[in-house]
Amino acid sequence: MSLSWPLVTGALWVIAATITALLPMRLQYPPGITLLVAAPIIILWIGWEHGWVVATLGLLAFASMFRNPLRYFYKKWRGLPVELPPELRQVPPEDRSDENSSAVAREIAQ
């Protein structure tokens, strides 16, 4: 098996996915959705050039890297309750006060 454009593209996809995983959660969505959409196309391209065994390995690697988003979308499509990570949940404005304003509020209350 030689190095081909589909494999190079797949390797670049893996590097991009790794860099995206290092970003804070709120910044992961735009590149993450793009990678999520591009993955099946790249896997099919690899399968076309190198056969179904290599495509299956790519599919397993993809499912391993994107297991949480895939689990989220599966539950959402099935109508099951989904839970967002704590850093993505909406916090009511009254709960967003930082420690300094809380300390000031406590001093005023005394």
N, C-alpha and C. Protein backbone atom coordinates (compact mmCIF):
# COMPACT_ATOMS: atom_id res chain seq x y z
N MET A 1 0.85 -1.16 0.00
CA MET A 1 0.00 0.00 0.00
C MET A 1 0.90 1.23 0.00
N SER A 2 0.65 2.13 -0.91
CA SER A 2 1.46 3.33 -1.00
C SER A 2 0.70 4.53 -0.43
N LEU A 3 1.46 5.58 -0.19
CA LEU A 3 0.84 6.80 0.30
C LEU A 3 0.06 7.46 -0.82
N SER A 4 -1.19 7.78 -0.56
CA SER A 4 -2.04 8.35 -1.59
C SER A 4 -2.72 9.60 -1.05
N TRP A 5 -3.37 10.35 -1.94
CA TRP A 5 -4.08 11.56 -1.53
C TRP A 5 -5.16 11.28 -0.50
N PRO A 6 -5.93 10.22 -0.63
CA PRO A 6 -6.93 9.96 0.42
C PRO A 6 -6.29 9.72 1.80
N LEU A 7 -5.16 9.03 1.84
CA LEU A 7 -4.50 8.79 3.12
C LEU A 7 -3.88 10.06 3.68
N VAL A 8 -3.31 10.88 2.81
CA VAL A 8 -2.76 12.17 3.26
C VAL A 8 -3.88 13.04 3.81
N THR A 9 -5.00 13.08 3.11
CA THR A 9 -6.15 13.86 3.57
C THR A 9 -6.66 13.32 4.91
N GLY A 10 -6.71 12.01 5.05
CA GLY A 10 -7.11 11.41 6.32
C GLY A 10 -6.17 11.76 7.46
N ALA A 11 -4.86 11.75 7.17
CA ALA A 11 -3.88 12.11 8.20
C ALA A 11 -4.02 13.59 8.59
N LEU A 12 -4.26 14.46 7.62
CA LEU A 12 -4.47 15.87 7.92
C LEU A 12 -5.76 16.08 8.72
N TRP A 13 -6.77 15.26 8.42
CA TRP A 13 -8.02 15.32 9.18
C TRP A 13 -7.76 14.96 10.64
N VAL A 14 -6.95 13.92 10.87
CA VAL A 14 -6.64 13.49 12.24
C VAL A 14 -5.90 14.60 12.99
N ILE A 15 -4.95 15.26 12.32
CA ILE A 15 -4.21 16.35 12.96
C ILE A 15 -5.17 17.51 13.29
N ALA A 16 -6.05 17.84 12.35
CA ALA A 16 -7.02 18.92 12.59
C ALA A 16 -7.96 18.56 13.74
N ALA A 17 -8.39 17.30 13.82
CA ALA A 17 -9.27 16.87 14.91
C ALA A 17 -8.55 16.94 16.25
N THR A 18 -7.27 16.61 16.28
CA THR A 18 -6.50 16.68 17.52
C THR A 18 -6.34 18.12 17.98
N ILE A 19 -6.04 19.01 17.05
CA ILE A 19 -5.92 20.43 17.39
C ILE A 19 -7.26 20.97 17.88
N THR A 20 -8.34 20.57 17.23
CA THR A 20 -9.67 21.02 17.65
C THR A 20 -9.99 20.54 19.06
N ALA A 21 -9.57 19.34 19.40
CA ALA A 21 -9.83 18.80 20.74
C ALA A 21 -9.08 19.59 21.82
N LEU A 22 -8.00 20.26 21.45
CA LEU A 22 -7.24 21.03 22.42
C LEU A 22 -7.86 22.41 22.68
N LEU A 23 -8.80 22.83 21.86
CA LEU A 23 -9.45 24.12 22.03
C LEU A 23 -10.43 24.07 23.20
N PRO A 24 -10.75 25.24 23.79
CA PRO A 24 -11.81 25.26 24.80
C PRO A 24 -13.13 24.77 24.17
N MET A 25 -13.98 24.19 24.98
CA MET A 25 -15.21 23.57 24.48
C MET A 25 -16.05 24.50 23.63
N ARG A 26 -16.20 25.75 24.02
CA ARG A 26 -17.05 26.67 23.27
C ARG A 26 -16.49 27.00 21.90
N LEU A 27 -15.18 26.82 21.70
CA LEU A 27 -14.56 27.09 20.40
C LEU A 27 -14.45 25.84 19.53
N GLN A 28 -14.82 24.69 20.06
CA GLN A 28 -14.69 23.44 19.32
C GLN A 28 -15.80 23.23 18.30
N TYR A 29 -16.93 23.90 18.45
CA TYR A 29 -18.08 23.59 17.61
C TYR A 29 -17.89 23.87 16.12
N PRO A 30 -17.49 25.06 15.68
CA PRO A 30 -17.37 25.27 14.22
C PRO A 30 -16.40 24.29 13.54
N PRO A 31 -15.16 24.14 14.04
CA PRO A 31 -14.30 23.16 13.37
C PRO A 31 -14.75 21.72 13.60
N GLY A 32 -15.34 21.45 14.76
CA GLY A 32 -15.80 20.10 15.06
C GLY A 32 -16.91 19.63 14.13
N ILE A 33 -17.87 20.51 13.87
CA ILE A 33 -18.96 20.16 12.95
C ILE A 33 -18.42 19.95 11.54
N THR A 34 -17.48 20.81 11.14
CA THR A 34 -16.86 20.66 9.81
C THR A 34 -16.15 19.31 9.70
N LEU A 35 -15.40 18.95 10.73
CA LEU A 35 -14.70 17.66 10.72
C LEU A 35 -15.68 16.50 10.76
N LEU A 36 -16.77 16.67 11.50
CA LEU A 36 -17.78 15.62 11.59
C LEU A 36 -18.44 15.37 10.24
N VAL A 37 -18.66 16.42 9.46
CA VAL A 37 -19.27 16.29 8.13
C VAL A 37 -18.26 15.75 7.12
N ALA A 38 -17.01 16.18 7.24
CA ALA A 38 -15.98 15.77 6.27
C ALA A 38 -15.54 14.31 6.44
N ALA A 39 -15.64 13.78 7.64
CA ALA A 39 -15.13 12.44 7.91
C ALA A 39 -15.74 11.35 7.03
N PRO A 40 -17.06 11.25 6.88
CA PRO A 40 -17.59 10.18 6.03
C PRO A 40 -17.13 10.28 4.57
N ILE A 41 -16.98 11.51 4.09
CA ILE A 41 -16.51 11.70 2.71
C ILE A 41 -15.09 11.18 2.57
N ILE A 42 -14.23 11.53 3.52
CA ILE A 42 -12.84 11.08 3.47
C ILE A 42 -12.76 9.56 3.63
N ILE A 43 -13.57 9.00 4.53
CA ILE A 43 -13.57 7.54 4.73
C ILE A 43 -14.02 6.82 3.47
N LEU A 44 -15.05 7.34 2.82
CA LEU A 44 -15.50 6.72 1.56
C LEU A 44 -14.41 6.82 0.48
N TRP A 45 -13.74 7.95 0.42
CA TRP A 45 -12.65 8.13 -0.55
C TRP A 45 -11.52 7.14 -0.27
N ILE A 46 -11.16 6.98 1.01
CA ILE A 46 -10.12 6.00 1.37
C ILE A 46 -10.58 4.59 0.99
N GLY A 47 -11.85 4.28 1.26
CA GLY A 47 -12.38 2.96 0.91
C GLY A 47 -12.38 2.71 -0.58
N TRP A 48 -12.67 3.74 -1.36
CA TRP A 48 -12.68 3.61 -2.82
C TRP A 48 -11.28 3.30 -3.35
N GLU A 49 -10.28 3.93 -2.77
CA GLU A 49 -8.90 3.76 -3.24
C GLU A 49 -8.21 2.53 -2.66
N HIS A 50 -8.52 2.18 -1.39
CA HIS A 50 -7.74 1.16 -0.69
C HIS A 50 -8.55 -0.04 -0.21
N GLY A 51 -9.84 -0.04 -0.40
CA GLY A 51 -10.65 -1.20 -0.03
C GLY A 51 -11.41 -1.01 1.27
N TRP A 52 -12.32 -1.93 1.50
CA TRP A 52 -13.22 -1.82 2.63
C TRP A 52 -12.56 -2.05 3.97
N VAL A 53 -11.47 -2.84 4.02
CA VAL A 53 -10.79 -3.10 5.29
C VAL A 53 -10.19 -1.80 5.84
N VAL A 54 -9.52 -1.06 4.97
CA VAL A 54 -8.91 0.20 5.40
C VAL A 54 -10.01 1.21 5.75
N ALA A 55 -11.09 1.22 4.98
CA ALA A 55 -12.21 2.12 5.28
C ALA A 55 -12.85 1.77 6.62
N THR A 56 -12.95 0.49 6.94
CA THR A 56 -13.50 0.07 8.22
C THR A 56 -12.61 0.52 9.37
N LEU A 57 -11.30 0.42 9.20
CA LEU A 57 -10.38 0.91 10.22
C LEU A 57 -10.54 2.42 10.40
N GLY A 58 -10.70 3.14 9.31
CA GLY A 58 -10.93 4.58 9.39
C GLY A 58 -12.24 4.90 10.10
N LEU A 59 -13.28 4.13 9.81
CA LEU A 59 -14.57 4.34 10.45
C LEU A 59 -14.49 4.08 11.96
N LEU A 60 -13.77 3.04 12.36
CA LEU A 60 -13.59 2.76 13.78
C LEU A 60 -12.81 3.87 14.48
N ALA A 61 -11.77 4.38 13.81
CA ALA A 61 -11.00 5.49 14.38
C ALA A 61 -11.86 6.73 14.51
N PHE A 62 -12.67 7.01 13.50
CA PHE A 62 -13.58 8.15 13.54
C PHE A 62 -14.57 8.02 14.69
N ALA A 63 -15.17 6.86 14.82
CA ALA A 63 -16.15 6.64 15.89
C ALA A 63 -15.49 6.76 17.27
N SER A 64 -14.24 6.36 17.38
CA SER A 64 -13.52 6.47 18.64
C SER A 64 -13.26 7.93 18.99
N MET A 65 -12.86 8.73 18.00
CA MET A 65 -12.53 10.14 18.25
C MET A 65 -13.77 10.98 18.50
N PHE A 66 -14.89 10.65 17.85
CA PHE A 66 -16.10 11.46 17.95
C PHE A 66 -17.21 10.73 18.70
N ARG A 67 -16.85 9.89 19.66
CA ARG A 67 -17.86 9.08 20.34
C ARG A 67 -18.86 9.94 21.11
N ASN A 68 -18.43 11.01 21.77
CA ASN A 68 -19.38 11.83 22.53
C ASN A 68 -20.33 12.61 21.63
N PRO A 69 -19.85 13.30 20.58
CA PRO A 69 -20.82 13.97 19.70
C PRO A 69 -21.75 12.98 19.00
N LEU A 70 -21.23 11.82 18.61
CA LEU A 70 -22.09 10.82 17.96
C LEU A 70 -23.15 10.31 18.94
N ARG A 71 -22.76 10.10 20.18
CA ARG A 71 -23.70 9.67 21.21
C ARG A 71 -24.77 10.75 21.44
N TYR A 72 -24.36 12.01 21.47
CA TYR A 72 -25.29 13.13 21.65
C TYR A 72 -26.31 13.17 20.51
N PHE A 73 -25.82 13.14 19.26
CA PHE A 73 -26.73 13.21 18.12
C PHE A 73 -27.64 11.99 18.04
N TYR A 74 -27.12 10.81 18.40
CA TYR A 74 -27.95 9.61 18.40
C TYR A 74 -29.12 9.77 19.38
N LYS A 75 -28.81 10.23 20.60
CA LYS A 75 -29.88 10.43 21.60
C LYS A 75 -30.86 11.49 21.14
N LYS A 76 -30.35 12.57 20.56
CA LYS A 76 -31.22 13.65 20.11
C LYS A 76 -32.15 13.18 18.99
N TRP A 77 -31.62 12.41 18.04
CA TRP A 77 -32.44 11.90 16.93
C TRP A 77 -33.47 10.88 17.40
N ARG A 78 -33.15 10.14 18.46
CA ARG A 78 -34.09 9.15 18.99
C ARG A 78 -35.11 9.77 19.94
N GLY A 79 -34.94 11.06 20.28
CA GLY A 79 -35.86 11.72 21.18
C GLY A 79 -35.58 11.43 22.65
N LEU A 80 -34.41 10.91 22.93
CA LEU A 80 -34.03 10.63 24.31
C LEU A 80 -33.49 11.89 24.97
N PRO A 81 -33.52 11.98 26.29
CA PRO A 81 -32.99 13.17 26.96
C PRO A 81 -31.48 13.26 26.76
N VAL A 82 -31.02 14.47 26.44
CA VAL A 82 -29.58 14.70 26.25
C VAL A 82 -29.10 15.67 27.32
N GLU A 83 -27.84 15.52 27.70
CA GLU A 83 -27.26 16.38 28.71
C GLU A 83 -26.02 17.04 28.13
N LEU A 84 -25.96 18.35 28.22
CA LEU A 84 -24.79 19.09 27.75
C LEU A 84 -23.71 19.06 28.82
N PRO A 85 -22.44 19.19 28.39
CA PRO A 85 -21.36 19.29 29.39
C PRO A 85 -21.57 20.54 30.25
N PRO A 86 -21.09 20.55 31.47
CA PRO A 86 -21.31 21.68 32.38
C PRO A 86 -20.87 23.02 31.79
N GLU A 87 -19.78 23.04 31.05
CA GLU A 87 -19.28 24.31 30.52
C GLU A 87 -20.14 24.87 29.39
N LEU A 88 -21.09 24.09 28.88
CA LEU A 88 -21.97 24.57 27.81
C LEU A 88 -23.39 24.87 28.30
N ARG A 89 -23.69 24.55 29.54
CA ARG A 89 -25.03 24.81 30.05
C ARG A 89 -25.23 26.30 30.26
N GLN A 90 -26.44 26.76 30.04
CA GLN A 90 -26.78 28.17 30.26
C GLN A 90 -26.87 28.43 31.76
N VAL A 91 -26.17 29.45 32.21
CA VAL A 91 -26.22 29.83 33.61
C VAL A 91 -27.06 31.09 33.72
N PRO A 92 -28.05 31.11 34.61
CA PRO A 92 -28.87 32.32 34.77
C PRO A 92 -28.00 33.53 35.12
N PRO A 93 -28.36 34.72 34.65
CA PRO A 93 -27.53 35.92 34.89
C PRO A 93 -27.25 36.18 36.36
N GLU A 94 -28.19 35.89 37.24
CA GLU A 94 -27.96 36.16 38.66
C GLU A 94 -26.91 35.22 39.26
N ASP A 95 -26.64 34.08 38.61
CA ASP A 95 -25.64 33.13 39.09
C ASP A 95 -24.27 33.38 38.48
N ARG A 96 -24.13 34.37 37.61
CA ARG A 96 -22.86 34.60 36.92
C ARG A 96 -21.92 35.53 37.66
N SER A 97 -22.27 35.93 38.88
CA SER A 97 -21.43 36.87 39.61
C SER A 97 -20.11 36.21 39.97
N ASP A 98 -19.05 37.01 39.91
CA ASP A 98 -17.74 36.46 40.26
C ASP A 98 -17.54 36.57 41.77
N GLU A 99 -16.41 36.09 42.26
CA GLU A 99 -16.17 36.05 43.69
C GLU A 99 -16.07 37.45 44.29
N ASN A 100 -15.51 38.40 43.56
CA ASN A 100 -15.36 39.75 44.10
C ASN A 100 -16.72 40.39 44.36
N SER A 101 -17.63 40.31 43.41
CA SER A 101 -18.93 40.91 43.62
C SER A 101 -19.70 40.17 44.71
N SER A 102 -19.47 38.88 44.86
CA SER A 102 -20.13 38.13 45.93
C SER A 102 -19.60 38.59 47.28
N ALA A 103 -18.29 38.83 47.36
CA ALA A 103 -17.72 39.30 48.61
C ALA A 103 -18.25 40.69 48.94
N VAL A 104 -18.36 41.57 47.95
CA VAL A 104 -18.91 42.90 48.16
C VAL A 104 -20.37 42.81 48.62
N ALA A 105 -21.14 41.94 48.00
CA ALA A 105 -22.54 41.77 48.39
C ALA A 105 -22.65 41.27 49.82
N ARG A 106 -21.76 40.39 50.22
CA ARG A 106 -21.78 39.89 51.60
C ARG A 106 -21.44 41.00 52.60
N GLU A 107 -20.47 41.86 52.24
CA GLU A 107 -20.11 42.97 53.12
C GLU A 107 -21.25 43.95 53.26
N ILE A 108 -21.96 44.22 52.16
CA ILE A 108 -23.07 45.15 52.21
C ILE A 108 -24.20 44.57 53.06
N ALA A 109 -24.43 43.28 52.95
CA ALA A 109 -25.50 42.63 53.69
C ALA A 109 -25.25 42.64 55.19
N GLN A 110 -23.99 42.72 55.60
CA GLN A 110 -23.67 42.69 57.04
C GLN A 110 -23.86 44.01 57.60
